[in-house]
C-alpha atoms as a PDB file:
ATOM      1  CA  MET A   1     -77.151  81.838 -29.605  1.00  0.00           C
ATOM      2  CA  ASN A   2     -76.344  79.652 -32.591  1.00  0.00           C
ATOM      3  CA  ALA A   3     -73.433  77.231 -32.685  1.00  0.00           C
ATOM      4  CA  PHE A   4     -73.562  77.340 -36.468  1.00  0.00           C
ATOM      5  CA  PRO A   5     -74.348  80.808 -37.826  1.00  0.00           C
ATOM      6  CA  GLY A   6     -75.503  79.378 -41.172  1.00  0.00           C
ATOM      7  CA  GLY A   7     -77.568  76.594 -39.588  1.00  0.00           C
ATOM      8  CA  ALA A   8     -76.556  73.010 -38.829  1.00  0.00           C
ATOM      9  CA  PRO A   9     -73.113  71.828 -39.962  1.00  0.00           C
ATOM     10  CA  GLU A  10     -72.580  70.039 -43.232  1.00  0.00           C
ATOM     11  CA  ARG A  11     -72.925  66.270 -43.352  1.00  0.00           C
ATOM     12  CA  SER A  12     -69.225  65.430 -43.255  1.00  0.00           C
ATOM     13  CA  ALA A  13     -68.291  68.084 -40.680  1.00  0.00           C
ATOM     14  CA  ALA A  14     -66.325  67.352 -37.532  1.00  0.00           C
ATOM     15  CA  VAL A  15     -67.030  69.611 -34.577  1.00  0.00           C
ATOM     16  CA  THR A  16     -65.745  69.836 -31.015  1.00  0.00           C
ATOM     17  CA  VAL A  17     -67.973  69.984 -27.946  1.00  0.00           C
ATOM     18  CA  VAL A  18     -66.658  70.453 -24.414  1.00  0.00           C
ATOM     19  CA  VAL A  19     -68.362  68.565 -21.595  1.00  0.00           C
ATOM     20  CA  ALA A  20     -67.999  70.317 -18.258  1.00  0.00           C
ATOM     21  CA  GLY A  21     -69.411  70.183 -14.765  1.00  0.00           C
ATOM     22  CA  GLY A  22     -68.479  69.797 -11.159  1.00  0.00           C
ATOM     23  CA  GLN A  23     -66.680  66.807  -9.738  1.00  0.00           C
ATOM     24  CA  GLY A  24     -68.875  63.728  -9.961  1.00  0.00           C
ATOM     25  CA  ALA A  25     -71.448  65.331 -12.288  1.00  0.00           C
ATOM     26  CA  GLY A  26     -71.057  62.552 -14.865  1.00  0.00           C
ATOM     27  CA  LYS A  27     -68.539  63.808 -17.442  1.00  0.00           C
ATOM     28  CA  THR A  28     -66.734  60.484 -17.789  1.00  0.00           C
ATOM     29  CA  CYS A  29     -70.015  58.569 -18.015  1.00  0.00           C
ATOM     30  CA  PHE A  30     -71.264  61.036 -20.655  1.00  0.00           C
ATOM     31  CA  LEU A  31     -68.149  60.541 -22.808  1.00  0.00           C
ATOM     32  CA  ARG A  32     -68.278  56.757 -22.458  1.00  0.00           C
ATOM     33  CA  ALA A  33     -71.975  56.621 -23.319  1.00  0.00           C
ATOM     34  CA  ALA A  34     -71.486  58.932 -26.299  1.00  0.00           C
ATOM     35  CA  GLY A  35     -69.611  56.501 -28.366  1.00  0.00           C
ATOM     36  CA  HIS A  36     -66.348  55.505 -29.804  1.00  0.00           C
ATOM     37  CA  GLY A  37     -62.778  55.762 -28.681  1.00  0.00           C
ATOM     38  CA  HIS A  38     -63.028  57.097 -25.142  1.00  0.00           C
ATOM     39  CA  THR A  39     -59.474  57.989 -24.151  1.00  0.00           C
ATOM     40  CA  THR A  40     -57.848  59.527 -21.116  1.00  0.00           C
ATOM     41  CA  LEU A  41     -54.819  61.643 -21.972  1.00  0.00           C
ATOM     42  CA  ALA A  42     -52.062  61.968 -19.380  1.00  0.00           C
ATOM     43  CA  GLY A  43     -54.527  60.729 -16.774  1.00  0.00           C
ATOM     44  CA  LEU A  44     -56.377  64.079 -16.905  1.00  0.00           C
ATOM     45  CA  TRP A  45     -58.049  64.976 -20.184  1.00  0.00           C
ATOM     46  CA  GLU A  46     -60.719  62.723 -21.543  1.00  0.00           C
ATOM     47  CA  VAL A  47     -61.648  62.610 -25.207  1.00  0.00           C
ATOM     48  CA  SER A  48     -64.296  60.674 -27.091  1.00  0.00           C
ATOM     49  CA  HIS A  49     -66.063  60.952 -30.413  1.00  0.00           C
ATOM     50  CA  VAL A  50     -69.407  60.018 -31.873  1.00  0.00           C
ATOM     51  CA  THR A  51     -71.045  60.364 -35.261  1.00  0.00           C
ATOM     52  CA  LEU A  52     -74.561  61.759 -35.087  1.00  0.00           C
ATOM     53  CA  PRO A  53     -77.286  60.712 -37.499  1.00  0.00           C
ATOM     54  CA  GLY A  54     -76.691  62.858 -40.544  1.00  0.00           C
ATOM     55  CA  GLY A  55     -72.953  62.307 -40.529  1.00  0.00           C
ATOM     56  CA  VAL A  56     -71.691  65.021 -38.171  1.00  0.00           C
ATOM     57  CA  THR A  57     -68.758  63.736 -36.103  1.00  0.00           C
ATOM     58  CA  VAL A  58     -68.584  65.250 -32.634  1.00  0.00           C
ATOM     59  CA  VAL A  59     -65.285  65.226 -30.776  1.00  0.00           C
ATOM     60  CA  LEU A  60     -66.007  65.424 -27.061  1.00  0.00           C
ATOM     61  CA  ARG A  61     -63.507  66.845 -24.595  1.00  0.00           C
ATOM     62  CA  ALA A  62     -64.092  66.651 -20.856  1.00  0.00           C
ATOM     63  CA  MET A  63     -63.034  69.752 -18.978  1.00  0.00           C
ATOM     64  CA  PRO A  64     -61.153  69.011 -15.736  1.00  0.00           C
ATOM     65  CA  GLU A  65     -62.956  70.526 -12.772  1.00  0.00           C
ATOM     66  CA  ARG A  66     -60.109  70.852 -10.311  1.00  0.00           C
ATOM     67  CA  ARG A  67     -58.919  74.428  -9.841  1.00  0.00           C
ATOM     68  CA  ARG A  68     -55.284  73.548 -10.519  1.00  0.00           C
ATOM     69  CA  TRP A  69     -56.241  72.600 -14.121  1.00  0.00           C
ATOM     70  CA  TRP A  70     -58.355  75.653 -14.908  1.00  0.00           C
ATOM     71  CA  TRP A  71     -55.505  77.106 -16.984  1.00  0.00           C
ATOM     72  CA  VAL A  72     -56.236  74.473 -19.645  1.00  0.00           C
ATOM     73  CA  TRP A  73     -59.906  75.413 -20.057  1.00  0.00           C
ATOM     74  CA  ASP A  74     -59.209  77.966 -22.803  1.00  0.00           C
ATOM     75  CA  GLN A  75     -57.129  75.429 -24.720  1.00  0.00           C
ATOM     76  CA  LEU A  76     -59.885  72.813 -24.584  1.00  0.00           C
ATOM     77  CA  ALA A  77     -62.565  75.280 -25.629  1.00  0.00           C
ATOM     78  CA  VAL A  78     -60.643  77.106 -28.382  1.00  0.00           C
ATOM     79  CA  ASP A  79     -62.264  75.262 -31.322  1.00  0.00           C
ATOM     80  CA  ALA A  80     -65.447  74.200 -29.560  1.00  0.00           C
ATOM     81  CA  VAL A  81     -68.802  74.970 -31.140  1.00  0.00           C
ATOM     82  CA  GLY A  82     -70.454  74.689 -27.763  1.00  0.00           C
ATOM     83  CA  MET A  83     -70.468  73.216 -24.299  1.00  0.00           C
ATOM     84  CA  VAL A  84     -72.597  70.766 -22.345  1.00  0.00           C
ATOM     85  CA  VAL A  85     -72.670  71.757 -18.679  1.00  0.00           C
ATOM     86  CA  LEU A  86     -73.572  68.643 -16.706  1.00  0.00           C
ATOM     87  CA  VAL A  87     -75.258  69.352 -13.398  1.00  0.00           C
ATOM     88  CA  ASP A  88     -75.650  67.247 -10.283  1.00  0.00           C
ATOM     89  CA  THR A  89     -78.522  68.917  -8.441  1.00  0.00           C
ATOM     90  CA  THR A  90     -77.283  67.619  -5.110  1.00  0.00           C
ATOM     91  CA  CYS A  91     -74.283  69.934  -5.526  1.00  0.00           C
ATOM     92  CA  LEU A  92     -75.316  72.915  -7.673  1.00  0.00           C
ATOM     93  CA  PRO A  93     -72.495  75.226  -6.465  1.00  0.00           C
ATOM     94  CA  ALA A  94     -69.992  72.922  -8.214  1.00  0.00           C
ATOM     95  CA  SER A  95     -71.493  74.157 -11.519  1.00  0.00           C
ATOM     96  CA  TYR A  96     -70.990  77.876 -10.866  1.00  0.00           C
ATOM     97  CA  PRO A  97     -67.352  78.171 -12.037  1.00  0.00           C
ATOM     98  CA  VAL A  98     -68.182  76.456 -15.339  1.00  0.00           C
ATOM     99  CA  LEU A  99     -71.249  78.633 -15.913  1.00  0.00           C
ATOM    100  CA  ASP A 100     -69.219  81.759 -15.164  1.00  0.00           C
ATOM    101  CA  TYR A 101     -66.617  80.583 -17.678  1.00  0.00           C
ATOM    102  CA  VAL A 102     -69.006  79.912 -20.590  1.00  0.00           C
ATOM    103  CA  GLU A 103     -71.009  83.069 -20.008  1.00  0.00           C
ATOM    104  CA  ALA A 104     -67.863  85.237 -19.874  1.00  0.00           C
ATOM    105  CA  ARG A 105     -66.656  83.776 -23.172  1.00  0.00           C
ATOM    106  CA  HIS A 106     -70.064  83.827 -24.873  1.00  0.00           C
ATOM    107  CA  LEU A 107     -69.859  80.145 -25.814  1.00  0.00           C
ATOM    108  CA  PRO A 108     -73.089  78.468 -26.898  1.00  0.00           C
ATOM    109  CA  PHE A 109     -74.067  76.024 -24.175  1.00  0.00           C
ATOM    110  CA  LEU A 110     -76.848  74.069 -22.611  1.00  0.00           C
ATOM    111  CA  VAL A 111     -77.364  72.702 -19.137  1.00  0.00           C
ATOM    112  CA  ALA A 112     -77.929  68.946 -18.859  1.00  0.00           C
ATOM    113  CA  ILE A 113     -79.255  67.808 -15.511  1.00  0.00           C
ATOM    114  CA  ASN A 114     -77.867  64.351 -14.885  1.00  0.00           C
ATOM    115  CA  ARG A 115     -81.082  62.864 -13.535  1.00  0.00           C
ATOM    116  CA  PRO A 116     -79.679  59.752 -11.825  1.00  0.00           C
ATOM    117  CA  LEU A 117     -77.751  62.173  -9.617  1.00  0.00           C
ATOM    118  CA  GLY A 118     -80.330  64.888  -9.606  1.00  0.00           C
ATOM    119  CA  GLY A 119     -83.251  64.030  -7.414  1.00  0.00           C
ATOM    120  CA  ALA A 120     -86.704  65.423  -8.016  1.00  0.00           C
ATOM    121  CA  ARG A 121     -86.112  69.162  -8.549  1.00  0.00           C
ATOM    122  CA  ASN A 122     -87.712  70.558 -11.685  1.00  0.00           C
ATOM    123  CA  ARG A 123     -85.925  72.332 -14.516  1.00  0.00           C
ATOM    124  CA  ARG A 124     -87.415  75.756 -13.741  1.00  0.00           C
ATOM    125  CA  GLU A 125     -86.228  75.551 -10.144  1.00  0.00           C
ATOM    126  CA  ILE A 126     -82.753  74.469 -11.266  1.00  0.00           C
ATOM    127  CA  ARG A 127     -82.590  77.231 -13.902  1.00  0.00           C
ATOM    128  CA  GLY A 128     -83.350  79.766 -11.171  1.00  0.00           C
ATOM    129  CA  ALA A 129     -80.800  78.307  -8.775  1.00  0.00           C
ATOM    130  CA  LEU A 130     -78.113  78.358 -11.482  1.00  0.00           C
ATOM    131  CA  ARG A 131     -79.179  81.823 -12.682  1.00  0.00           C
ATOM    132  CA  VAL A 132     -78.988  80.936 -16.380  1.00  0.00           C
ATOM    133  CA  ASP A 133     -80.786  83.053 -18.979  1.00  0.00           C
ATOM    134  CA  ALA A 134     -84.139  81.951 -20.350  1.00  0.00           C
ATOM    135  CA  GLN A 135     -82.688  81.264 -23.817  1.00  0.00           C
ATOM    136  CA  VAL A 136     -80.212  78.671 -22.452  1.00  0.00           C
ATOM    137  CA  PRO A 137     -81.704  75.191 -22.840  1.00  0.00           C
ATOM    138  CA  VAL A 138     -82.009  73.221 -19.613  1.00  0.00           C
ATOM    139  CA  LEU A 139     -82.494  69.531 -20.363  1.00  0.00           C
ATOM    140  CA  THR A 140     -82.561  66.366 -18.323  1.00  0.00           C
ATOM    141  CA  CYS A 141     -80.434  63.394 -19.258  1.00  0.00           C
ATOM    142  CA  ASP A 142     -78.934  60.171 -18.026  1.00  0.00           C
ATOM    143  CA  ALA A 143     -75.200  60.413 -18.659  1.00  0.00           C
ATOM    144  CA  THR A 144     -74.951  56.616 -18.679  1.00  0.00           C
ATOM    145  CA  GLU A 145     -77.517  56.089 -21.446  1.00  0.00           C
ATOM    146  CA  PRO A 146     -76.313  56.478 -25.059  1.00  0.00           C
ATOM    147  CA  GLU A 147     -79.740  57.572 -26.347  1.00  0.00           C
ATOM    148  CA  SER A 148     -79.993  60.290 -23.721  1.00  0.00           C
ATOM    149  CA  VAL A 149     -76.464  61.548 -24.425  1.00  0.00           C
ATOM    150  CA  MET A 150     -77.142  61.587 -28.181  1.00  0.00           C
ATOM    151  CA  ALA A 151     -80.315  63.633 -27.634  1.00  0.00           C
ATOM    152  CA  VAL A 152     -78.327  66.219 -25.648  1.00  0.00           C
ATOM    153  CA  LEU A 153     -75.656  66.427 -28.345  1.00  0.00           C
ATOM    154  CA  ARG A 154     -78.222  66.761 -31.146  1.00  0.00           C
ATOM    155  CA  HIS A 155     -79.896  69.562 -29.232  1.00  0.00           C
ATOM    156  CA  LEU A 156     -76.612  71.434 -28.739  1.00  0.00           C
ATOM    157  CA  ILE A 157     -75.544  71.026 -32.369  1.00  0.00           C
ATOM    158  CA  THR A 158     -78.848  72.426 -33.624  1.00  0.00           C
ATOM    159  CA  LEU A 159     -78.911  75.506 -31.346  1.00  0.00           C
END
């Protein structure tokens, strides 16, 4: 699983990452903490962007979780180099549709446990409950903290 077959992107590259998760998992907070220009389009689709150290600009798109908007998932993910699946451990089943989606489409992804929502469960226990493969990174983060969000994005970009 490598988002960039030849290694990390070039310095001036712009890449797209989709941020997904169940309702209330922290997608909006993640996009706001990431950086610049958080926008909501048509009241539904959220977009933000951030420039990582090294010059890579990441365009972030939040995937709507409501079933009536699932038809747009393919459009949001079409140019994406990978996906951050935010998880609220108090409601793990809300993550299952997103995990099914990324696995079926073979998109590079990682799981980011939004710790302020997540309680005390450990990553191994959560990995087992979500049934994600051993090679999928499972990280913890705080979707409201810019440093934590940047660490998640750097990890995804270097997969």
